[in-house]
């Protein structure tokens, strides 16, 4: 790289968990270039995450739906950014994701090879997946010379979202929440598909145990997760239901981040909310079935991963190809409850 940049543009990923993990790159760039401005071009929904990352100066909204090419509009957006940045890091592997920095004529445009992007990128890296098994290693490696050693996990700055007290209090007031009892956050959804979802009756058993021991439960998720959240509450004893609050489908992403920061512990499927909870440094039990913590693990020192590791998993399918979902159905609530108790003991 020929010059120290005064401003860097990062073309960010389009999934919640991936955007959280992208903070590892932002941290590495901040380490190398302490005085450089870092802006992130990403879908507008990412702003609540990016605004809680101290390394990021500005979130620039990418005004296209997922999958839209819109060549003319991308070129126009790129032209509007000309002269503002010296380096650009393109995290998605698609051709279209490299169009804006190319049109912006950013001098140094870095990314993995992906979809035939020669010319659009001028520092094209060839990804050896075996050499870089973790997504965060792949992100951070883009900020390093081609021949640099593989960044080790303990050398990578873990994602670390920052929430201020005022926004947290505002979110709690908006949803009528209070710290009357210790809070367990449940994240029973998974946008990718049902093969990543631990059964709701198992979540209900964990919730019942937490409430029986003096706690309250907040259930997070999108509108799609609301039926599952309601089923969890319905499975509780009558006396326990008053201590369970369904937030799924009722919060913005911004509020979900702030409210997750208020929990005493979290239980989650492998999902974007799992990565948010880890980045908020919450004690976290992450439940894995069809996927593997060997690629996108939650990063934190108060994280417990529970999985059965059956012969058929990980399959990385949206739905169980064998039709039984044993990797999750056979994972008992007691295993998650034990993991929660071990985290509590470690914090004591």
Protein backbone atom coordinates (compact mmCIF):
# COMPACT_ATOMS: atom_id res chain seq x y z
CA UNK A 1 0.00 0.00 0.00
CA UNK A 2 1.55 3.24 -1.17
CA UNK A 3 0.25 5.72 1.38
CA UNK A 4 -1.23 5.96 4.85
CA UNK A 5 -4.94 6.49 4.30
CA UNK A 6 -6.80 9.37 5.89
CA UNK A 7 -10.16 7.68 5.17
CA UNK A 8 -11.14 4.07 4.55
CA UNK A 9 -14.36 2.68 3.16
CA UNK A 10 -15.50 -0.83 4.06
CA UNK A 11 -18.24 -2.52 2.06
CA UNK A 12 -19.94 -4.47 4.80
CA UNK A 13 -21.80 -7.80 4.85
CA UNK A 14 -25.59 -8.11 4.79
CA UNK A 15 -26.20 -10.44 7.76
CA UNK A 16 -26.43 -9.34 11.39
CA UNK A 17 -23.88 -11.84 12.71
CA UNK A 18 -21.43 -11.16 9.90
CA UNK A 19 -21.63 -7.42 10.51
CA UNK A 20 -20.89 -7.94 14.20
CA UNK A 21 -17.87 -10.07 13.31
CA UNK A 22 -16.72 -7.43 10.80
CA UNK A 23 -15.83 -5.26 13.79
CA UNK A 24 -12.69 -7.39 14.07
CA UNK A 25 -11.52 -5.81 10.79
CA UNK A 26 -12.45 -2.31 11.94
CA UNK A 27 -10.42 -2.85 15.12
CA UNK A 28 -7.40 -4.02 13.13
CA UNK A 29 -7.65 -1.01 10.81
CA UNK A 30 -7.89 1.30 13.83
CA UNK A 31 -4.78 -0.36 15.29
CA UNK A 32 -2.82 0.21 12.09
CA UNK A 33 -4.20 3.67 11.32
CA UNK A 34 -5.13 5.35 14.62
CA UNK A 35 -6.05 8.68 13.01
CA UNK A 36 -7.89 7.32 9.97
CA UNK A 37 -11.65 7.70 9.50
CA UNK A 38 -13.49 4.42 8.85
CA UNK A 39 -16.86 4.51 7.10
CA UNK A 40 -18.97 1.44 6.34
CA UNK A 41 -21.22 1.05 3.30
CA UNK A 42 -23.98 -1.39 4.20
CA UNK A 43 -27.78 -1.86 4.20
CA UNK A 44 -29.60 0.80 6.23
CA UNK A 45 -30.67 -1.72 8.89
CA UNK A 46 -27.00 -2.03 9.94
CA UNK A 47 -26.87 1.49 11.39
CA UNK A 48 -27.90 0.44 14.95
CA UNK A 49 -24.94 -1.96 15.02
CA UNK A 50 -22.41 0.35 13.38
CA UNK A 51 -23.39 3.26 15.63
CA UNK A 52 -22.35 1.12 18.61
CA UNK A 53 -18.90 0.37 17.18
CA UNK A 54 -16.44 3.05 18.35
CA UNK A 55 -14.12 2.46 15.37
CA UNK A 56 -16.74 3.52 12.80
CA UNK A 57 -17.17 7.19 11.92
CA UNK A 58 -20.21 6.87 9.68
CA UNK A 59 -22.60 4.24 8.36
CA UNK A 60 -23.40 4.90 4.70
CA UNK A 61 -26.70 3.36 3.62
CA UNK A 62 -26.52 1.06 0.60
CA UNK A 63 -29.89 1.84 -1.04
CA UNK A 64 -30.38 -1.48 -2.81
CA UNK A 65 -32.34 -4.58 -1.92
CA UNK A 66 -30.39 -7.80 -1.45
CA UNK A 67 -29.70 -9.27 -4.89
CA UNK A 68 -30.37 -6.08 -6.85
CA UNK A 69 -27.70 -5.32 -9.46
CA UNK A 70 -28.83 -1.80 -10.45
CA UNK A 71 -25.60 -1.09 -12.26
CA UNK A 72 -26.43 2.53 -13.06
CA UNK A 73 -27.40 3.38 -9.50
CA UNK A 74 -24.29 1.72 -8.09
CA UNK A 75 -22.11 3.64 -10.50
CA UNK A 76 -23.80 6.91 -9.54
CA UNK A 77 -23.28 6.18 -5.83
CA UNK A 78 -19.63 5.42 -6.48
CA UNK A 79 -19.15 8.68 -8.41
CA UNK A 80 -20.62 10.60 -5.46
CA UNK A 81 -17.87 9.15 -3.24
CA UNK A 82 -14.92 10.01 -5.47
CA UNK A 83 -11.95 11.62 -3.79
CA UNK A 84 -13.07 10.74 -0.27
CA UNK A 85 -11.22 7.46 0.41
CA UNK A 86 -7.78 6.01 -0.24
CA UNK A 87 -8.45 2.38 0.70
CA UNK A 88 -11.52 0.17 0.42
CA UNK A 89 -12.09 -3.31 1.86
CA UNK A 90 -14.88 -5.32 0.20
CA UNK A 91 -16.13 -8.05 2.55
CA UNK A 92 -18.89 -9.71 0.46
CA UNK A 93 -17.65 -11.95 -2.34
CA UNK A 94 -20.20 -10.83 -4.94
CA UNK A 95 -19.33 -8.92 -8.10
CA UNK A 96 -21.93 -6.24 -7.39
CA UNK A 97 -20.40 -5.44 -4.00
CA UNK A 98 -17.19 -4.31 -5.74
CA UNK A 99 -18.94 -1.97 -8.20
CA UNK A 100 -19.32 1.07 -5.92
CA UNK A 101 -15.64 1.30 -4.84
CA UNK A 102 -14.59 0.77 -8.48
CA UNK A 103 -16.87 3.58 -9.63
CA UNK A 104 -15.58 5.71 -6.75
CA UNK A 105 -12.04 5.24 -8.14
CA UNK A 106 -10.70 4.43 -4.68
CA UNK A 107 -6.96 3.88 -5.29
CA UNK A 108 -6.61 0.64 -3.27
CA UNK A 109 -9.52 -1.83 -3.44
CA UNK A 110 -8.99 -5.03 -1.47
CA UNK A 111 -11.03 -8.22 -1.25
CA UNK A 112 -11.07 -11.98 -1.70
CA UNK A 113 -11.33 -13.17 -5.28
CA UNK A 114 -15.05 -14.08 -5.21
CA UNK A 115 -17.06 -13.63 -8.41
CA UNK A 116 -14.55 -12.69 -11.13
CA UNK A 117 -13.76 -9.24 -9.75
CA UNK A 118 -10.46 -8.61 -11.50
CA UNK A 119 -10.37 -4.96 -12.51
CA UNK A 120 -13.03 -4.01 -9.99
CA UNK A 121 -10.60 -4.89 -7.21
CA UNK A 122 -6.88 -4.18 -7.63
CA UNK A 123 -5.65 -6.10 -4.59
CA UNK A 124 -7.33 -9.47 -5.10
CA UNK A 125 -6.58 -12.15 -2.51
CA UNK A 126 -6.99 -15.89 -3.06
CA UNK A 127 -8.76 -17.48 -0.11
CA UNK A 128 -7.36 -20.71 1.29
CA UNK A 129 -10.29 -21.82 3.44
CA UNK A 130 -8.20 -24.39 5.28
CA UNK A 131 -5.60 -21.75 6.16
CA UNK A 132 -8.25 -19.29 7.34
CA UNK A 133 -10.94 -21.49 8.95
CA UNK A 134 -12.66 -18.69 10.89
CA UNK A 135 -14.64 -15.88 9.30
CA UNK A 136 -12.96 -13.31 11.56
CA UNK A 137 -9.55 -14.50 10.36
CA UNK A 138 -10.68 -13.91 6.78
CA UNK A 139 -11.87 -10.42 7.65
CA UNK A 140 -8.72 -9.40 9.55
CA UNK A 141 -6.38 -10.94 6.95
CA UNK A 142 -7.58 -8.42 4.38
CA UNK A 143 -5.94 -5.67 6.46
CA UNK A 144 -2.62 -7.51 6.52
CA UNK A 145 0.02 -8.09 3.83
CA UNK A 146 -0.59 -11.10 1.60
CA UNK A 147 2.35 -12.99 3.09
CA UNK A 148 1.52 -12.17 6.73
CA UNK A 149 1.03 -15.05 9.18
CA UNK A 150 -2.55 -16.15 9.78
CA UNK A 151 -3.99 -13.97 12.58
CA UNK A 152 -4.57 -16.13 15.64
CA UNK A 153 -7.86 -15.89 17.48
CA UNK A 154 -6.25 -14.58 20.67
CA UNK A 155 -4.56 -11.84 18.61
CA UNK A 156 -7.86 -10.62 17.14
CA UNK A 157 -9.83 -7.96 19.00
CA UNK A 158 -13.24 -9.50 19.63
CA UNK A 159 -16.39 -7.57 18.68
CA UNK A 160 -17.34 -5.12 21.42
CA UNK A 161 -20.57 -3.16 21.02
CA UNK A 162 -21.00 -0.15 23.29
CA UNK A 163 -24.39 0.88 24.69
CA UNK A 164 -24.92 4.01 26.77
CA UNK A 165 -27.06 4.01 29.89
CA UNK A 166 -29.57 6.53 28.53
CA UNK A 167 -30.49 4.52 25.43
CA UNK A 168 -30.77 1.36 27.52
CA UNK A 169 -33.08 3.07 30.02
CA UNK A 170 -35.16 4.52 27.19
CA UNK A 171 -35.64 1.09 25.60
CA UNK A 172 -36.63 -0.45 28.94
CA UNK A 173 -39.16 2.31 29.61
CA UNK A 174 -40.62 1.96 26.11
CA UNK A 175 -41.38 -1.72 26.75
CA UNK A 176 -42.35 -1.46 30.42
CA UNK A 177 -39.34 -3.42 31.64
CA UNK A 178 -37.61 -3.21 35.01
CA UNK A 179 -34.83 -4.94 36.94
CA UNK A 180 -37.24 -6.49 39.43
CA UNK A 181 -35.59 -9.88 38.93
CA UNK A 182 -32.40 -11.12 37.22
CA UNK A 183 -32.96 -11.19 33.45
CA UNK A 184 -32.40 -14.18 31.15
CA UNK A 185 -32.56 -13.29 27.48
CA UNK A 186 -33.78 -16.01 25.12
CA UNK A 187 -33.14 -15.84 21.37
CA UNK A 188 -35.08 -18.83 19.97
CA UNK A 189 -35.12 -17.78 16.31
CA UNK A 190 -32.67 -18.20 13.44
CA UNK A 191 -33.16 -16.35 10.18
CA UNK A 192 -31.27 -19.01 8.20
CA UNK A 193 -33.79 -21.76 8.79
CA UNK A 194 -35.41 -24.27 11.19
CA UNK A 195 -32.36 -26.56 11.29
CA UNK A 196 -30.69 -24.01 13.58
CA UNK A 197 -33.61 -23.72 16.04
CA UNK A 198 -33.54 -25.51 19.36
CA UNK A 199 -37.15 -26.64 20.10
CA UNK A 200 -39.37 -24.16 21.91
CA UNK A 201 -40.30 -26.71 24.60
CA UNK A 202 -36.59 -26.91 25.51
CA UNK A 203 -36.41 -23.13 25.74
CA UNK A 204 -39.52 -23.21 27.92
CA UNK A 205 -37.86 -25.68 30.31
CA UNK A 206 -34.86 -23.37 30.68
CA UNK A 207 -37.16 -20.37 31.18
CA UNK A 208 -39.20 -22.23 33.81
CA UNK A 209 -36.03 -23.13 35.72
CA UNK A 210 -34.75 -19.55 35.62
CA UNK A 211 -38.09 -18.13 36.82
CA UNK A 212 -38.46 -20.78 39.53
CA UNK A 213 -35.11 -19.60 40.87
CA UNK A 214 -36.20 -15.97 41.12
CA UNK A 215 -35.55 -14.61 37.64
CA UNK A 216 -37.46 -13.12 34.73
CA UNK A 217 -37.21 -13.91 31.01
CA UNK A 218 -37.18 -11.61 27.98
CA UNK A 219 -37.67 -13.33 24.62
CA UNK A 220 -36.03 -11.62 21.63
CA UNK A 221 -36.42 -12.02 17.90
CA UNK A 222 -38.04 -10.73 14.73
CA UNK A 223 -41.72 -10.80 13.86
CA UNK A 224 -41.17 -14.27 12.38
CA UNK A 225 -40.12 -15.50 15.81
CA UNK A 226 -43.20 -14.20 17.62
CA UNK A 227 -45.21 -17.48 17.34
CA UNK A 228 -42.30 -19.46 18.80
CA UNK A 229 -41.89 -16.89 21.58
CA UNK A 230 -45.60 -17.11 22.39
CA UNK A 231 -45.37 -20.92 22.47
CA UNK A 232 -42.52 -20.70 24.98
CA UNK A 233 -44.62 -18.53 27.28
CA UNK A 234 -47.68 -20.76 26.84
CA UNK A 235 -45.63 -23.78 27.97
CA UNK A 236 -44.76 -22.15 31.30
CA UNK A 237 -46.66 -22.70 34.54
CA UNK A 238 -49.45 -20.19 35.12
CA UNK A 239 -47.53 -18.51 37.91
CA UNK A 240 -44.38 -18.19 35.79
CA UNK A 241 -45.94 -16.46 32.79
CA UNK A 242 -46.12 -13.08 34.50
CA UNK A 243 -42.31 -13.12 34.63
CA UNK A 244 -41.87 -13.75 30.88
CA UNK A 245 -41.98 -10.93 28.31
CA UNK A 246 -42.23 -11.45 24.57
CA UNK A 247 -40.15 -8.82 22.77
CA UNK A 248 -39.94 -10.70 19.47
CA UNK A 249 -41.42 -8.57 16.71
CA UNK A 250 -41.92 -5.64 19.08
CA UNK A 251 -38.47 -4.03 19.12
CA UNK A 252 -36.29 -2.35 16.57
CA UNK A 253 -32.80 -3.78 16.14
CA UNK A 254 -31.51 -0.76 18.03
CA UNK A 255 -33.79 -1.54 21.00
CA UNK A 256 -32.90 -5.24 20.86
CA UNK A 257 -29.21 -4.40 21.17
CA UNK A 258 -29.84 -2.06 24.09
CA UNK A 259 -32.13 -4.52 25.90
CA UNK A 260 -29.76 -7.45 25.39
CA UNK A 261 -27.09 -5.34 27.09
CA UNK A 262 -29.35 -5.26 30.17
CA UNK A 263 -29.59 -9.05 30.57
CA UNK A 264 -27.79 -11.10 33.19
CA UNK A 265 -27.36 -14.02 30.78
CA UNK A 266 -28.48 -15.12 27.31
CA UNK A 267 -29.38 -18.43 25.68
CA UNK A 268 -29.39 -18.34 21.90
CA UNK A 269 -29.36 -20.39 18.75
CA UNK A 270 -26.57 -19.78 16.26
CA UNK A 271 -27.93 -16.45 15.02
CA UNK A 272 -27.21 -12.77 14.64
CA UNK A 273 -28.55 -12.10 18.13
CA UNK A 274 -26.07 -14.65 19.47
CA UNK A 275 -23.19 -12.60 18.06
CA UNK A 276 -24.72 -9.39 19.41
CA UNK A 277 -24.99 -10.90 22.90
CA UNK A 278 -21.37 -12.04 22.76
CA UNK A 279 -20.25 -8.59 21.56
CA UNK A 280 -22.13 -7.04 24.50
CA UNK A 281 -20.07 -9.31 26.79
CA UNK A 282 -23.15 -11.03 28.21
CA UNK A 283 -22.74 -14.50 29.73
CA UNK A 284 -23.93 -16.56 26.79
CA UNK A 285 -24.93 -20.16 26.15
CA UNK A 286 -24.92 -20.78 22.40
CA UNK A 287 -26.84 -23.81 21.13
CA UNK A 288 -25.49 -25.40 17.94
CA UNK A 289 -27.09 -28.10 15.81
CA UNK A 290 -26.83 -27.98 12.01
CA UNK A 291 -23.96 -25.49 12.03
CA UNK A 292 -20.48 -25.46 13.54
CA UNK A 293 -18.72 -23.16 15.99
CA UNK A 294 -15.61 -23.93 13.97
CA UNK A 295 -16.44 -21.16 11.43
CA UNK A 296 -18.43 -18.43 13.16
CA UNK A 297 -18.16 -18.97 16.94
CA UNK A 298 -19.42 -16.31 19.34
CA UNK A 299 -16.33 -14.50 20.56
CA UNK A 300 -16.05 -13.73 24.26
CA UNK A 301 -14.61 -15.02 27.51
CA UNK A 302 -18.05 -15.70 29.04
CA UNK A 303 -19.38 -17.99 26.33
CA UNK A 304 -20.37 -21.65 26.56
CA UNK A 305 -21.12 -23.61 23.39
CA UNK A 306 -23.39 -26.64 23.73
CA UNK A 307 -23.87 -29.19 20.97
CA UNK A 308 -24.26 -32.92 20.61
CA UNK A 309 -21.89 -33.33 17.66
CA UNK A 310 -23.88 -36.15 16.07
CA UNK A 311 -22.43 -37.97 13.08
CA UNK A 312 -24.86 -36.17 10.76
CA UNK A 313 -23.91 -32.67 11.96
CA UNK A 314 -22.93 -30.11 10.99
CA UNK A 315 -24.86 -30.33 7.73
CA UNK A 316 -25.25 -26.55 7.20
CA UNK A 317 -28.72 -27.09 5.71
CA UNK A 318 -31.73 -24.83 6.27
CA UNK A 319 -33.89 -27.86 7.09
CA UNK A 320 -32.82 -31.22 8.47
CA UNK A 321 -32.09 -33.42 5.42
CA UNK A 322 -32.91 -36.54 7.47
CA UNK A 323 -36.17 -35.10 8.77
CA UNK A 324 -35.54 -35.73 12.48
CA UNK A 325 -33.52 -32.72 13.74
CA UNK A 326 -31.95 -34.97 16.37
CA UNK A 327 -28.94 -32.67 16.70
CA UNK A 328 -31.22 -30.21 18.50
CA UNK A 329 -34.21 -32.24 19.70
CA UNK A 330 -31.95 -34.64 21.61
CA UNK A 331 -29.96 -31.83 23.24
CA UNK A 332 -31.61 -31.66 26.69
CA UNK A 333 -32.48 -28.46 28.57
CA UNK A 334 -30.43 -29.73 31.50
CA UNK A 335 -27.26 -29.31 29.43
CA UNK A 336 -28.04 -25.65 28.83
CA UNK A 337 -29.08 -25.09 32.47
CA UNK A 338 -25.78 -26.63 33.63
CA UNK A 339 -23.85 -24.35 31.25
CA UNK A 340 -25.69 -21.30 32.60
CA UNK A 341 -24.88 -22.28 36.16
CA UNK A 342 -21.21 -22.76 35.29
CA UNK A 343 -21.10 -19.25 33.78
CA UNK A 344 -22.72 -17.85 36.92
CA UNK A 345 -20.15 -19.64 39.07
CA UNK A 346 -17.30 -18.29 36.96
CA UNK A 347 -18.67 -14.74 37.36
CA UNK A 348 -19.07 -15.08 41.13
